[in-house]
Amino acid sequence: MKRLLPITAAATAAALLLTGCGSGGDEKSDEKKGVTVGISQFVEHPSLDAAREGFVQALNDAGYKEGENLTLDVQNASGDQATATNIASNFASSKDDLILGIATPSAQSLAQAVTDKPVLFTAVTDPVDAGLVDSVEKPGGNVTGTTDMNPVADQIKLVKELKPSAKSVGIIYSSGETNSQIQVDEAKKAAESEGLKVVEKTVTTTAEVAQAAESFDTDAIYVPTDNKVVAGLEAVISAAESKKIPLIAGEGDSVERGALATQGLNYKDLGKQTGEMAVRILKDGAEPADMAVESQKDTKLIINVKAAKAMGVEIPQSLRDKADQVIE
């Protein structure tokens, strides 16, 4: 993986390293000249990093190799919207053949700034609500990609399966992330059907996560795929352990880090799926306008046994038996 470059260096590199190729054209010609792919990632945390790695793997599998016929220009906004906007502006004037936006804020910035080259997105919950595409089936512009909409209802059900006596669930999320609000709305509906009272805590920065998590007086905590909260997940894990309550996460990487369980996505696989879309654009001349937004069809039940012990939760054998992955 190419290290994250400063924005100014990236713009210079993009201009000097390669003469850009169009998204269509002859496949052999494109491979000979090479392609330049820009990546704008909103923040670094394991889930988004995994999506980026999967994307690059798909390019490698298709014959695009760094140092040979592929140049990657990887930028990170460090969770700052203004920086994401600046990155998008630089990419708009670059000669990149294709650009990837990882997470909703970066994807939105790219969609607004880049109009003359293909833009893909991944780790976006609702691309229609985010204004990225006209519809999931027919994006209609130069932007398409993959959604990470989670089976939120199934995740909330885990609260009762892991703690049948639970009466309430705390949900922590960023007030500025559209994707999080969509998941929270779904979580509220699911919680009502499970007889759970929802207590919400919002943050505006990762630095606020610890205080919000510690302030919960609930029987469980749920964290959606929120970039700022997931970046500070260790603070939520610590709170769940000290309160001896289950922490349910929106995806598998958070469970590997110490959350108790999820019925969720694999972000590396999602990124790889997005990379395969990129290959169809770069090699076959596919048009984003006609490429439906894709979702990951299979989710996995993942349980962390060590986390369960730390949170004072006994995992029912029936739940363990149907788990796709048990982390000991």
C-alpha atoms as a PDB file:
ATOM      1  CA  MET A   1       0.000   0.000   0.000  1.00  0.00           C
ATOM      2  CA  LYS A   2       1.399   3.370  -0.974  1.00  0.00           C
ATOM      3  CA  ARG A   3       1.854   5.588   2.057  1.00  0.00           C
ATOM      4  CA  LEU A   4      -0.543   8.501   2.470  1.00  0.00           C
ATOM      5  CA  LEU A   5       0.950  11.502   0.719  1.00  0.00           C
ATOM      6  CA  PRO A   6       0.543  15.199   1.464  1.00  0.00           C
ATOM      7  CA  ILE A   7      -2.076  16.804  -0.766  1.00  0.00           C
ATOM      8  CA  THR A   8       0.355  19.097  -2.552  1.00  0.00           C
ATOM      9  CA  ALA A   9       2.762  16.287  -3.283  1.00  0.00           C
ATOM     10  CA  ALA A  10      -0.064  14.160  -4.583  1.00  0.00           C
ATOM     11  CA  ALA A  11      -1.212  16.763  -7.058  1.00  0.00           C
ATOM     12  CA  THR A  12       2.332  17.133  -8.352  1.00  0.00           C
ATOM     13  CA  ALA A  13       2.837  13.383  -8.562  1.00  0.00           C
ATOM     14  CA  ALA A  14      -0.381  12.907 -10.467  1.00  0.00           C
ATOM     15  CA  ALA A  15       0.685  15.489 -13.028  1.00  0.00           C
ATOM     16  CA  LEU A  16       4.239  14.237 -13.503  1.00  0.00           C
ATOM     17  CA  LEU A  17       4.105  10.461 -13.242  1.00  0.00           C
ATOM     18  CA  LEU A  18       1.744   9.529 -16.020  1.00  0.00           C
ATOM     19  CA  THR A  19      -0.170  10.832 -18.944  1.00  0.00           C
ATOM     20  CA  GLY A  20      -3.776   9.943 -18.116  1.00  0.00           C
ATOM     21  CA  CYS A  21      -5.786   7.411 -20.105  1.00  0.00           C
ATOM     22  CA  GLY A  22      -9.509   7.569 -20.713  1.00  0.00           C
ATOM     23  CA  SER A  23     -11.842   5.130 -19.034  1.00  0.00           C
ATOM     24  CA  GLY A  24     -12.624   3.509 -22.353  1.00  0.00           C
ATOM     25  CA  GLY A  25     -10.289   2.639 -25.185  1.00  0.00           C
ATOM     26  CA  ASP A  26      -8.193  -0.362 -26.096  1.00  0.00           C
ATOM     27  CA  GLU A  27      -7.400  -2.615 -23.134  1.00  0.00           C
ATOM     28  CA  LYS A  28      -3.837  -3.455 -24.211  1.00  0.00           C
ATOM     29  CA  SER A  29      -3.082   0.202 -24.878  1.00  0.00           C
ATOM     30  CA  ASP A  30      -4.386   1.196 -21.437  1.00  0.00           C
ATOM     31  CA  GLU A  31      -2.299  -1.486 -19.725  1.00  0.00           C
ATOM     32  CA  LYS A  32       0.837  -0.482 -21.615  1.00  0.00           C
ATOM     33  CA  LYS A  33       0.529   3.205 -20.780  1.00  0.00           C
ATOM     34  CA  GLY A  34      -0.682   2.534 -17.278  1.00  0.00           C
ATOM     35  CA  VAL A  35      -3.449   4.107 -15.284  1.00  0.00           C
ATOM     36  CA  THR A  36      -3.562   6.537 -12.387  1.00  0.00           C
ATOM     37  CA  VAL A  37      -6.154   6.007  -9.671  1.00  0.00           C
ATOM     38  CA  GLY A  38      -6.857   8.564  -6.970  1.00  0.00           C
ATOM     39  CA  ILE A  39      -8.214   7.529  -3.571  1.00  0.00           C
ATOM     40  CA  SER A  40      -9.787   9.942  -1.093  1.00  0.00           C
ATOM     41  CA  GLN A  41     -10.362   8.341   2.325  1.00  0.00           C
ATOM     42  CA  PHE A  42     -12.223  10.326   4.962  1.00  0.00           C
ATOM     43  CA  VAL A  43     -10.420   8.938   8.013  1.00  0.00           C
ATOM     44  CA  GLU A  44      -8.108   6.076   8.924  1.00  0.00           C
ATOM     45  CA  HIS A  45      -9.613   3.205  10.888  1.00  0.00           C
ATOM     46  CA  PRO A  46      -9.518  -0.574  10.294  1.00  0.00           C
ATOM     47  CA  SER A  47     -12.825  -0.822   8.395  1.00  0.00           C
ATOM     48  CA  LEU A  48     -12.051   1.914   5.873  1.00  0.00           C
ATOM     49  CA  ASP A  49      -8.439   0.757   5.601  1.00  0.00           C
ATOM     50  CA  ALA A  50      -9.712  -2.742   4.793  1.00  0.00           C
ATOM     51  CA  ALA A  51     -12.012  -1.340   2.096  1.00  0.00           C
ATOM     52  CA  ARG A  52      -9.046   0.447   0.527  1.00  0.00           C
ATOM     53  CA  GLU A  53      -6.918  -2.701   0.658  1.00  0.00           C
ATOM     54  CA  GLY A  54      -9.665  -4.766  -0.976  1.00  0.00           C
ATOM     55  CA  PHE A  55     -10.045  -2.182  -3.739  1.00  0.00           C
ATOM     56  CA  VAL A  56      -6.332  -2.253  -4.536  1.00  0.00           C
ATOM     57  CA  GLN A  57      -6.312  -6.057  -4.411  1.00  0.00           C
ATOM     58  CA  ALA A  58      -8.986  -6.176  -7.108  1.00  0.00           C
ATOM     59  CA  LEU A  59      -6.860  -3.910  -9.312  1.00  0.00           C
ATOM     60  CA  ASN A  60      -3.819  -6.116  -8.708  1.00  0.00           C
ATOM     61  CA  ASP A  61      -5.819  -9.248  -9.504  1.00  0.00           C
ATOM     62  CA  ALA A  62      -6.835  -7.684 -12.818  1.00  0.00           C
ATOM     63  CA  GLY A  63      -3.212  -7.055 -13.785  1.00  0.00           C
ATOM     64  CA  TYR A  64      -2.733  -3.485 -12.552  1.00  0.00           C
ATOM     65  CA  LYS A  65       0.450  -3.378 -10.480  1.00  0.00           C
ATOM     66  CA  GLU A  66       2.088  -0.418  -8.747  1.00  0.00           C
ATOM     67  CA  GLY A  67       5.469   0.373 -10.247  1.00  0.00           C
ATOM     68  CA  GLU A  68       4.451  -1.222 -13.535  1.00  0.00           C
ATOM     69  CA  ASN A  69       1.176   0.021 -14.961  1.00  0.00           C
ATOM     70  CA  LEU A  70      -0.600   1.488 -11.937  1.00  0.00           C
ATOM     71  CA  THR A  71      -0.015   4.682  -9.983  1.00  0.00           C
ATOM     72  CA  LEU A  72      -2.003   5.193  -6.793  1.00  0.00           C
ATOM     73  CA  ASP A  73      -2.546   8.653  -5.322  1.00  0.00           C
ATOM     74  CA  VAL A  74      -3.889   8.021  -1.801  1.00  0.00           C
ATOM     75  CA  GLN A  75      -5.147  10.961   0.263  1.00  0.00           C
ATOM     76  CA  ASN A  76      -6.622  11.034   3.763  1.00  0.00           C
ATOM     77  CA  ALA A  77      -8.825  13.795   5.173  1.00  0.00           C
ATOM     78  CA  SER A  78      -8.197  12.792   8.810  1.00  0.00           C
ATOM     79  CA  GLY A  79     -11.904  13.141   9.546  1.00  0.00           C
ATOM     80  CA  ASP A  80     -12.051  16.792   8.471  1.00  0.00           C
ATOM     81  CA  GLN A  81     -14.673  17.849   5.916  1.00  0.00           C
ATOM     82  CA  ALA A  82     -12.733  20.916   4.760  1.00  0.00           C
ATOM     83  CA  THR A  83      -9.715  18.725   4.022  1.00  0.00           C
ATOM     84  CA  ALA A  84     -11.936  16.262   2.122  1.00  0.00           C
ATOM     85  CA  THR A  85     -13.208  19.175   0.011  1.00  0.00           C
ATOM     86  CA  ASN A  86      -9.655  20.338  -0.683  1.00  0.00           C
ATOM     87  CA  ILE A  87      -8.590  16.826  -1.697  1.00  0.00           C
ATOM     88  CA  ALA A  88     -11.562  16.588  -4.063  1.00  0.00           C
ATOM     89  CA  SER A  89     -10.670  19.927  -5.638  1.00  0.00           C
ATOM     90  CA  ASN A  90      -7.129  18.732  -6.310  1.00  0.00           C
ATOM     91  CA  PHE A  91      -8.389  15.481  -7.806  1.00  0.00           C
ATOM     92  CA  ALA A  92     -10.744  17.444 -10.061  1.00  0.00           C
ATOM     93  CA  SER A  93      -7.771  19.115 -11.740  1.00  0.00           C
ATOM     94  CA  SER A  94      -5.627  15.970 -11.853  1.00  0.00           C
ATOM     95  CA  LYS A  95      -5.128  13.592 -14.763  1.00  0.00           C
ATOM     96  CA  ASP A  96      -6.331  10.563 -12.808  1.00  0.00           C
ATOM     97  CA  ASP A  97      -8.230   7.995 -14.845  1.00  0.00           C
ATOM     98  CA  LEU A  98     -10.572   7.108 -11.984  1.00  0.00           C
ATOM     99  CA  ILE A  99     -11.119   8.261  -8.402  1.00  0.00           C
ATOM    100  CA  LEU A 100     -12.405   6.375  -5.367  1.00  0.00           C
ATOM    101  CA  GLY A 101     -14.107   8.008  -2.407  1.00  0.00           C
ATOM    102  CA  ILE A 102     -14.080   5.975   0.822  1.00  0.00           C
ATOM    103  CA  ALA A 103     -16.912   6.943   3.223  1.00  0.00           C
ATOM    104  CA  THR A 104     -19.788   9.316   2.612  1.00  0.00           C
ATOM    105  CA  PRO A 105     -18.122  12.710   3.316  1.00  0.00           C
ATOM    106  CA  SER A 106     -15.247  12.040   0.912  1.00  0.00           C
ATOM    107  CA  ALA A 107     -17.576  10.616  -1.724  1.00  0.00           C
ATOM    108  CA  GLN A 108     -19.833  13.678  -1.500  1.00  0.00           C
ATOM    109  CA  SER A 109     -16.896  16.048  -1.916  1.00  0.00           C
ATOM    110  CA  LEU A 110     -15.688  14.141  -4.969  1.00  0.00           C
ATOM    111  CA  ALA A 111     -19.150  14.017  -6.541  1.00  0.00           C
ATOM    112  CA  GLN A 112     -19.451  17.790  -6.246  1.00  0.00           C
ATOM    113  CA  ALA A 113     -15.965  18.576  -7.536  1.00  0.00           C
ATOM    114  CA  VAL A 114     -15.262  15.920 -10.181  1.00  0.00           C
ATOM    115  CA  THR A 115     -17.525  15.836 -13.221  1.00  0.00           C
ATOM    116  CA  ASP A 116     -15.327  14.735 -16.117  1.00  0.00           C
ATOM    117  CA  LYS A 117     -13.952  11.369 -14.960  1.00  0.00           C
ATOM    118  CA  PRO A 118     -15.327   8.232 -13.297  1.00  0.00           C
ATOM    119  CA  VAL A 119     -15.838   8.410  -9.535  1.00  0.00           C
ATOM    120  CA  LEU A 120     -16.501   5.306  -7.442  1.00  0.00           C
ATOM    121  CA  PHE A 121     -17.477   5.186  -3.788  1.00  0.00           C
ATOM    122  CA  THR A 122     -17.472   2.569  -1.060  1.00  0.00           C
ATOM    123  CA  ALA A 123     -18.493   2.511   2.618  1.00  0.00           C
ATOM    124  CA  VAL A 124     -21.483   4.740   1.838  1.00  0.00           C
ATOM    125  CA  THR A 125     -24.735   3.784   3.551  1.00  0.00           C
ATOM    126  CA  ASP A 126     -27.354   5.535   1.403  1.00  0.00           C
ATOM    127  CA  PRO A 127     -25.946   6.965  -1.839  1.00  0.00           C
ATOM    128  CA  VAL A 128     -29.320   8.340  -2.929  1.00  0.00           C
ATOM    129  CA  ASP A 129     -29.916  10.248   0.314  1.00  0.00           C
ATOM    130  CA  ALA A 130     -26.291  11.442   0.170  1.00  0.00           C
ATOM    131  CA  GLY A 131     -26.952  12.927  -3.278  1.00  0.00           C
ATOM    132  CA  LEU A 132     -24.384  10.750  -5.022  1.00  0.00           C
ATOM    133  CA  VAL A 133     -26.669   8.986  -7.506  1.00  0.00           C
ATOM    134  CA  ASP A 134     -30.128   9.453  -9.017  1.00  0.00           C
ATOM    135  CA  SER A 135     -31.101   5.928  -8.029  1.00  0.00           C
ATOM    136  CA  VAL A 136     -29.448   2.704  -6.944  1.00  0.00           C
ATOM    137  CA  GLU A 137     -30.458   0.957 -10.171  1.00  0.00           C
ATOM    138  CA  LYS A 138     -29.516   3.810 -12.532  1.00  0.00           C
ATOM    139  CA  PRO A 139     -26.941   6.215 -11.037  1.00  0.00           C
ATOM    140  CA  GLY A 140     -27.269   8.544 -14.024  1.00  0.00           C
ATOM    141  CA  GLY A 141     -23.964  10.420 -13.788  1.00  0.00           C
ATOM    142  CA  ASN A 142     -20.236   9.795 -13.472  1.00  0.00           C
ATOM    143  CA  VAL A 143     -20.570   8.370  -9.940  1.00  0.00           C
ATOM    144  CA  THR A 144     -21.414   4.859  -8.713  1.00  0.00           C
ATOM    145  CA  GLY A 145     -20.049   2.305  -6.247  1.00  0.00           C
ATOM    146  CA  THR A 146     -20.942   0.064  -3.315  1.00  0.00           C
ATOM    147  CA  THR A 147     -23.126   0.611  -0.273  1.00  0.00           C
ATOM    148  CA  ASP A 148     -22.363  -0.621   3.226  1.00  0.00           C
ATOM    149  CA  MET A 149     -25.951  -0.489   4.474  1.00  0.00           C
ATOM    150  CA  ASN A 150     -26.029  -2.899   7.385  1.00  0.00           C
ATOM    151  CA  PRO A 151     -28.716  -5.329   8.558  1.00  0.00           C
ATOM    152  CA  VAL A 152     -29.357  -2.975  11.481  1.00  0.00           C
ATOM    153  CA  ALA A 153     -32.454  -4.821  12.709  1.00  0.00           C
ATOM    154  CA  ASP A 154     -30.484  -8.066  12.964  1.00  0.00           C
ATOM    155  CA  GLN A 155     -27.772  -6.266  14.908  1.00  0.00           C
ATOM    156  CA  ILE A 156     -30.248  -4.812  17.409  1.00  0.00           C
ATOM    157  CA  LYS A 157     -31.758  -8.283  17.888  1.00  0.00           C
ATOM    158  CA  LEU A 158     -28.367  -9.391  19.185  1.00  0.00           C
ATOM    159  CA  VAL A 159     -28.873  -7.188  22.253  1.00  0.00           C
ATOM    160  CA  LYS A 160     -31.742  -9.376  23.461  1.00  0.00           C
ATOM    161  CA  GLU A 161     -30.039 -12.593  22.390  1.00  0.00           C
ATOM    162  CA  LEU A 162     -26.960 -11.732  24.425  1.00  0.00           C
ATOM    163  CA  LYS A 163     -28.775 -10.077  27.333  1.00  0.00           C
ATOM    164  CA  PRO A 164     -32.445 -11.181  27.481  1.00  0.00           C
ATOM    165  CA  SER A 165     -33.137  -8.904  30.452  1.00  0.00           C
ATOM    166  CA  ALA A 166     -32.060  -5.767  28.564  1.00  0.00           C
ATOM    167  CA  LYS A 167     -34.534  -2.887  28.627  1.00  0.00           C
ATOM    168  CA  SER A 168     -32.447  -0.161  27.005  1.00  0.00           C
ATOM    169  CA  VAL A 169     -29.690   0.341  24.447  1.00  0.00           C
ATOM    170  CA  GLY A 170     -27.395   3.312  24.074  1.00  0.00           C
ATOM    171  CA  ILE A 171     -26.468   4.436  20.561  1.00  0.00           C
ATOM    172  CA  ILE A 172     -23.463   6.655  19.960  1.00  0.00           C
ATOM    173  CA  TYR A 173     -22.918   8.359  16.618  1.00  0.00           C
ATOM    174  CA  SER A 174     -21.687  11.487  14.887  1.00  0.00           C
ATOM    175  CA  SER A 175     -24.320  14.179  14.421  1.00  0.00           C
ATOM    176  CA  GLY A 176     -22.654  15.266  11.177  1.00  0.00           C
ATOM    177  CA  GLU A 177     -22.715  11.927   9.332  1.00  0.00           C
ATOM    178  CA  THR A 178     -25.755  11.294   7.154  1.00  0.00           C
ATOM    179  CA  ASN A 179     -24.972   7.594   6.962  1.00  0.00           C
ATOM    180  CA  SER A 180     -25.091   7.324  10.746  1.00  0.00           C
ATOM    181  CA  GLN A 181     -28.466   9.053  11.090  1.00  0.00           C
ATOM    182  CA  ILE A 182     -29.964   6.611   8.585  1.00  0.00           C
ATOM    183  CA  GLN A 183     -28.705   3.663  10.630  1.00  0.00           C
ATOM    184  CA  VAL A 184     -29.900   5.191  13.889  1.00  0.00           C
ATOM    185  CA  ASP A 185     -33.384   5.649  12.459  1.00  0.00           C
ATOM    186  CA  GLU A 186     -33.408   1.968  11.507  1.00  0.00           C
ATOM    187  CA  ALA A 187     -32.056   1.013  14.924  1.00  0.00           C
ATOM    188  CA  LYS A 188     -34.873   2.913  16.664  1.00  0.00           C
ATOM    189  CA  LYS A 189     -37.502   1.004  14.712  1.00  0.00           C
ATOM    190  CA  ALA A 190     -35.821  -2.305  15.481  1.00  0.00           C
ATOM    191  CA  ALA A 191     -35.387  -1.425  19.161  1.00  0.00           C
ATOM    192  CA  GLU A 192     -39.077  -0.586  19.498  1.00  0.00           C
ATOM    193  CA  SER A 193     -40.035  -3.980  18.122  1.00  0.00           C
ATOM    194  CA  GLU A 194     -37.643  -5.605  20.618  1.00  0.00           C
ATOM    195  CA  GLY A 195     -39.065  -3.626  23.541  1.00  0.00           C
ATOM    196  CA  LEU A 196     -35.862  -1.635  24.004  1.00  0.00           C
ATOM    197  CA  LYS A 197     -35.662   2.018  24.991  1.00  0.00           C
ATOM    198  CA  VAL A 198     -33.097   3.947  22.927  1.00  0.00           C
ATOM    199  CA  VAL A 199     -30.766   6.498  24.518  1.00  0.00           C
ATOM    200  CA  GLU A 200     -28.815   8.569  21.980  1.00  0.00           C
ATOM    201  CA  LYS A 201     -25.461  10.266  22.424  1.00  0.00           C
ATOM    202  CA  THR A 202     -23.984  12.321  19.592  1.00  0.00           C
ATOM    203  CA  VAL A 203     -20.432  13.501  19.028  1.00  0.00           C
ATOM    204  CA  THR A 204     -18.840  15.935  16.620  1.00  0.00           C
ATOM    205  CA  THR A 205     -15.254  14.688  16.947  1.00  0.00           C
ATOM    206  CA  THR A 206     -13.514  11.447  17.853  1.00  0.00           C
ATOM    207  CA  ALA A 207     -12.170  13.169  20.977  1.00  0.00           C
ATOM    208  CA  GLU A 208     -15.750  13.327  22.360  1.00  0.00           C
ATOM    209  CA  VAL A 209     -16.378   9.583  22.052  1.00  0.00           C
ATOM    210  CA  ALA A 210     -14.974   8.552  25.434  1.00  0.00           C
ATOM    211  CA  GLN A 211     -17.103  10.996  27.432  1.00  0.00           C
ATOM    212  CA  ALA A 212     -20.248  10.058  25.501  1.00  0.00           C
ATOM    213  CA  ALA A 213     -19.668   6.347  26.018  1.00  0.00           C
ATOM    214  CA  GLU A 214     -18.993   6.722  29.732  1.00  0.00           C
ATOM    215  CA  SER A 215     -22.210   8.703  30.200  1.00  0.00           C
ATOM    216  CA  PHE A 216     -24.474   5.793  29.199  1.00  0.00           C
ATOM    217  CA  ASP A 217     -26.653   4.194  31.855  1.00  0.00           C
ATOM    218  CA  THR A 218     -28.128   1.521  29.599  1.00  0.00           C
ATOM    219  CA  ASP A 219     -28.181  -2.270  29.377  1.00  0.00           C
ATOM    220  CA  ALA A 220     -26.218  -2.364  26.107  1.00  0.00           C
ATOM    221  CA  ILE A 221     -24.422  -0.114  23.627  1.00  0.00           C
ATOM    222  CA  TYR A 222     -24.743  -0.123  19.842  1.00  0.00           C
ATOM    223  CA  VAL A 223     -22.257   1.519  17.478  1.00  0.00           C
ATOM    224  CA  PRO A 224     -23.267   1.867  13.807  1.00  0.00           C
ATOM    225  CA  THR A 225     -20.699   2.201  11.022  1.00  0.00           C
ATOM    226  CA  ASP A 226     -19.911   5.757  12.079  1.00  0.00           C
ATOM    227  CA  ASN A 227     -16.461   6.968  11.052  1.00  0.00           C
ATOM    228  CA  LYS A 228     -15.715   9.234  14.016  1.00  0.00           C
ATOM    229  CA  VAL A 229     -16.978   6.741  16.593  1.00  0.00           C
ATOM    230  CA  VAL A 230     -15.269   3.737  15.031  1.00  0.00           C
ATOM    231  CA  ALA A 231     -12.026   5.731  14.948  1.00  0.00           C
ATOM    232  CA  GLY A 232     -12.355   6.050  18.743  1.00  0.00           C
ATOM    233  CA  LEU A 233     -13.850   2.600  19.349  1.00  0.00           C
ATOM    234  CA  GLU A 234     -11.406   1.621  22.101  1.00  0.00           C
ATOM    235  CA  ALA A 235     -13.063   4.188  24.385  1.00  0.00           C
ATOM    236  CA  VAL A 236     -16.481   2.607  23.787  1.00  0.00           C
ATOM    237  CA  ILE A 237     -15.055  -0.871  24.405  1.00  0.00           C
ATOM    238  CA  SER A 238     -13.580   0.343  27.696  1.00  0.00           C
ATOM    239  CA  ALA A 239     -16.944   1.782  28.765  1.00  0.00           C
ATOM    240  CA  ALA A 240     -18.788  -1.444  27.909  1.00  0.00           C
ATOM    241  CA  GLU A 241     -16.274  -3.483  29.883  1.00  0.00           C
ATOM    242  CA  SER A 242     -16.434  -1.236  32.938  1.00  0.00           C
ATOM    243  CA  LYS A 243     -20.254  -1.250  32.888  1.00  0.00           C
ATOM    244  CA  LYS A 244     -20.382  -5.012  32.169  1.00  0.00           C
ATOM    245  CA  ILE A 245     -22.779  -4.609  29.241  1.00  0.00           C
ATOM    246  CA  PRO A 246     -22.661  -5.946  25.659  1.00  0.00           C
ATOM    247  CA  LEU A 247     -21.307  -3.738  22.889  1.00  0.00           C
ATOM    248  CA  ILE A 248     -22.861  -4.510  19.504  1.00  0.00           C
ATOM    249  CA  ALA A 249     -21.056  -3.180  16.434  1.00  0.00           C
ATOM    250  CA  GLY A 250     -22.059  -2.423  12.866  1.00  0.00           C
ATOM    251  CA  GLU A 251     -19.282  -4.453  11.235  1.00  0.00           C
ATOM    252  CA  GLY A 252     -16.754  -7.210  11.764  1.00  0.00           C
ATOM    253  CA  ASP A 253     -13.550  -5.202  12.122  1.00  0.00           C
ATOM    254  CA  SER A 254     -14.934  -3.571  15.267  1.00  0.00           C
ATOM    255  CA  VAL A 255     -15.633  -7.009  16.749  1.00  0.00           C
ATOM    256  CA  GLU A 256     -12.055  -8.048  16.045  1.00  0.00           C
ATOM    257  CA  ARG A 257     -10.946  -4.914  17.915  1.00  0.00           C
ATOM    258  CA  GLY A 258     -12.994  -5.811  20.981  1.00  0.00           C
ATOM    259  CA  ALA A 259     -16.717  -5.251  20.457  1.00  0.00           C
ATOM    260  CA  LEU A 260     -18.818  -8.285  21.434  1.00  0.00           C
ATOM    261  CA  ALA A 261     -20.764  -9.160  18.284  1.00  0.00           C
ATOM    262  CA  THR A 262     -22.211  -8.125  14.946  1.00  0.00           C
ATOM    263  CA  GLN A 263     -24.236  -9.413  12.051  1.00  0.00           C
ATOM    264  CA  GLY A 264     -22.319  -7.388   9.555  1.00  0.00           C
ATOM    265  CA  LEU A 265     -20.256  -6.782   6.472  1.00  0.00           C
ATOM    266  CA  ASN A 266     -16.674  -7.549   5.568  1.00  0.00           C
ATOM    267  CA  TYR A 267     -15.158  -4.264   4.420  1.00  0.00           C
ATOM    268  CA  LYS A 268     -12.241  -5.805   2.589  1.00  0.00           C
ATOM    269  CA  ASP A 269     -14.679  -7.817   0.488  1.00  0.00           C
ATOM    270  CA  LEU A 270     -16.773  -4.685  -0.078  1.00  0.00           C
ATOM    271  CA  GLY A 271     -13.698  -2.768  -1.225  1.00  0.00           C
ATOM    272  CA  LYS A 272     -12.732  -5.616  -3.519  1.00  0.00           C
ATOM    273  CA  GLN A 273     -16.205  -5.580  -5.046  1.00  0.00           C
ATOM    274  CA  THR A 274     -15.738  -1.853  -5.709  1.00  0.00           C
ATOM    275  CA  GLY A 275     -12.353  -2.538  -7.261  1.00  0.00           C
ATOM    276  CA  GLU A 276     -13.951  -5.028  -9.634  1.00  0.00           C
ATOM    277  CA  MET A 277     -16.295  -2.247 -10.726  1.00  0.00           C
ATOM    278  CA  ALA A 278     -13.233  -0.067 -11.346  1.00  0.00           C
ATOM    279  CA  VAL A 279     -11.725  -2.767 -13.533  1.00  0.00           C
ATOM    280  CA  ARG A 280     -14.868  -2.871 -15.671  1.00  0.00           C
ATOM    281  CA  ILE A 281     -14.549   0.879 -16.182  1.00  0.00           C
ATOM    282  CA  LEU A 282     -10.804   0.916 -16.871  1.00  0.00           C
ATOM    283  CA  LYS A 283     -10.608  -2.199 -19.045  1.00  0.00           C
ATOM    284  CA  ASP A 284     -14.019  -2.490 -20.640  1.00  0.00           C
ATOM    285  CA  GLY A 285     -15.082   1.132 -20.874  1.00  0.00           C
ATOM    286  CA  ALA A 286     -18.172   0.644 -18.678  1.00  0.00           C
ATOM    287  CA  GLU A 287     -20.026   3.855 -17.846  1.00  0.00           C
ATOM    288  CA  PRO A 288     -20.812   4.678 -14.187  1.00  0.00           C
ATOM    289  CA  ALA A 289     -24.180   6.101 -15.241  1.00  0.00           C
ATOM    290  CA  ASP A 290     -25.314   2.613 -16.240  1.00  0.00           C
ATOM    291  CA  MET A 291     -23.656   0.651 -13.407  1.00  0.00           C
ATOM    292  CA  ALA A 292     -26.075  -0.058 -10.570  1.00  0.00           C
ATOM    293  CA  VAL A 293     -24.879   0.576  -7.037  1.00  0.00           C
ATOM    294  CA  GLU A 294     -23.852  -2.768  -5.566  1.00  0.00           C
ATOM    295  CA  SER A 295     -24.250  -4.132  -2.046  1.00  0.00           C
ATOM    296  CA  GLN A 296     -22.656  -7.053  -0.221  1.00  0.00           C
ATOM    297  CA  LYS A 297     -25.142  -9.883  -0.349  1.00  0.00           C
ATOM    298  CA  ASP A 298     -23.782 -12.028   2.473  1.00  0.00           C
ATOM    299  CA  THR A 299     -23.345 -10.814   6.044  1.00  0.00           C
ATOM    300  CA  LYS A 300     -21.621 -12.725   8.818  1.00  0.00           C
ATOM    301  CA  LEU A 301     -22.436 -13.322  12.475  1.00  0.00           C
ATOM    302  CA  ILE A 302     -19.193 -12.654  14.323  1.00  0.00           C
ATOM    303  CA  ILE A 303     -18.750 -13.123  18.073  1.00  0.00           C
ATOM    304  CA  ASN A 304     -15.798 -12.214  20.265  1.00  0.00           C
ATOM    305  CA  VAL A 305     -15.537 -14.612  23.223  1.00  0.00           C
ATOM    306  CA  LYS A 306     -12.788 -12.638  24.952  1.00  0.00           C
ATOM    307  CA  ALA A 307     -14.909  -9.491  24.750  1.00  0.00           C
ATOM    308  CA  ALA A 308     -17.900 -11.356  26.191  1.00  0.00           C
ATOM    309  CA  LYS A 309     -15.864 -12.311  29.254  1.00  0.00           C
ATOM    310  CA  ALA A 310     -14.601  -8.747  29.689  1.00  0.00           C
ATOM    311  CA  MET A 311     -18.172  -7.427  29.481  1.00  0.00           C
ATOM    312  CA  GLY A 312     -19.593 -10.049  31.815  1.00  0.00           C
ATOM    313  CA  VAL A 313     -21.806 -11.582  29.146  1.00  0.00           C
ATOM    314  CA  GLU A 314     -22.454 -15.287  28.671  1.00  0.00           C
ATOM    315  CA  ILE A 315     -22.850 -16.243  25.021  1.00  0.00           C
ATOM    316  CA  PRO A 316     -25.753 -18.660  24.470  1.00  0.00           C
ATOM    317  CA  GLN A 317     -24.636 -21.893  22.868  1.00  0.00           C
ATOM    318  CA  SER A 318     -27.360 -21.513  20.220  1.00  0.00           C
ATOM    319  CA  LEU A 319     -25.835 -18.201  19.133  1.00  0.00           C
ATOM    320  CA  ARG A 320     -22.320 -19.596  19.136  1.00  0.00           C
ATOM    321  CA  ASP A 321     -23.424 -22.562  17.041  1.00  0.00           C
ATOM    322  CA  LYS A 322     -24.782 -20.378  14.234  1.00  0.00           C
ATOM    323  CA  ALA A 323     -21.879 -17.918  14.218  1.00  0.00           C
ATOM    324  CA  ASP A 324     -19.845 -17.620  11.028  1.00  0.00           C
ATOM    325  CA  GLN A 325     -16.794 -16.586  13.026  1.00  0.00           C
ATOM    326  CA  VAL A 326     -15.946 -16.973  16.704  1.00  0.00           C
ATOM    327  CA  ILE A 327     -13.000 -14.929  17.937  1.00  0.00           C
ATOM    328  CA  GLU A 328     -11.428 -16.636  20.929  1.00  0.00           C
END
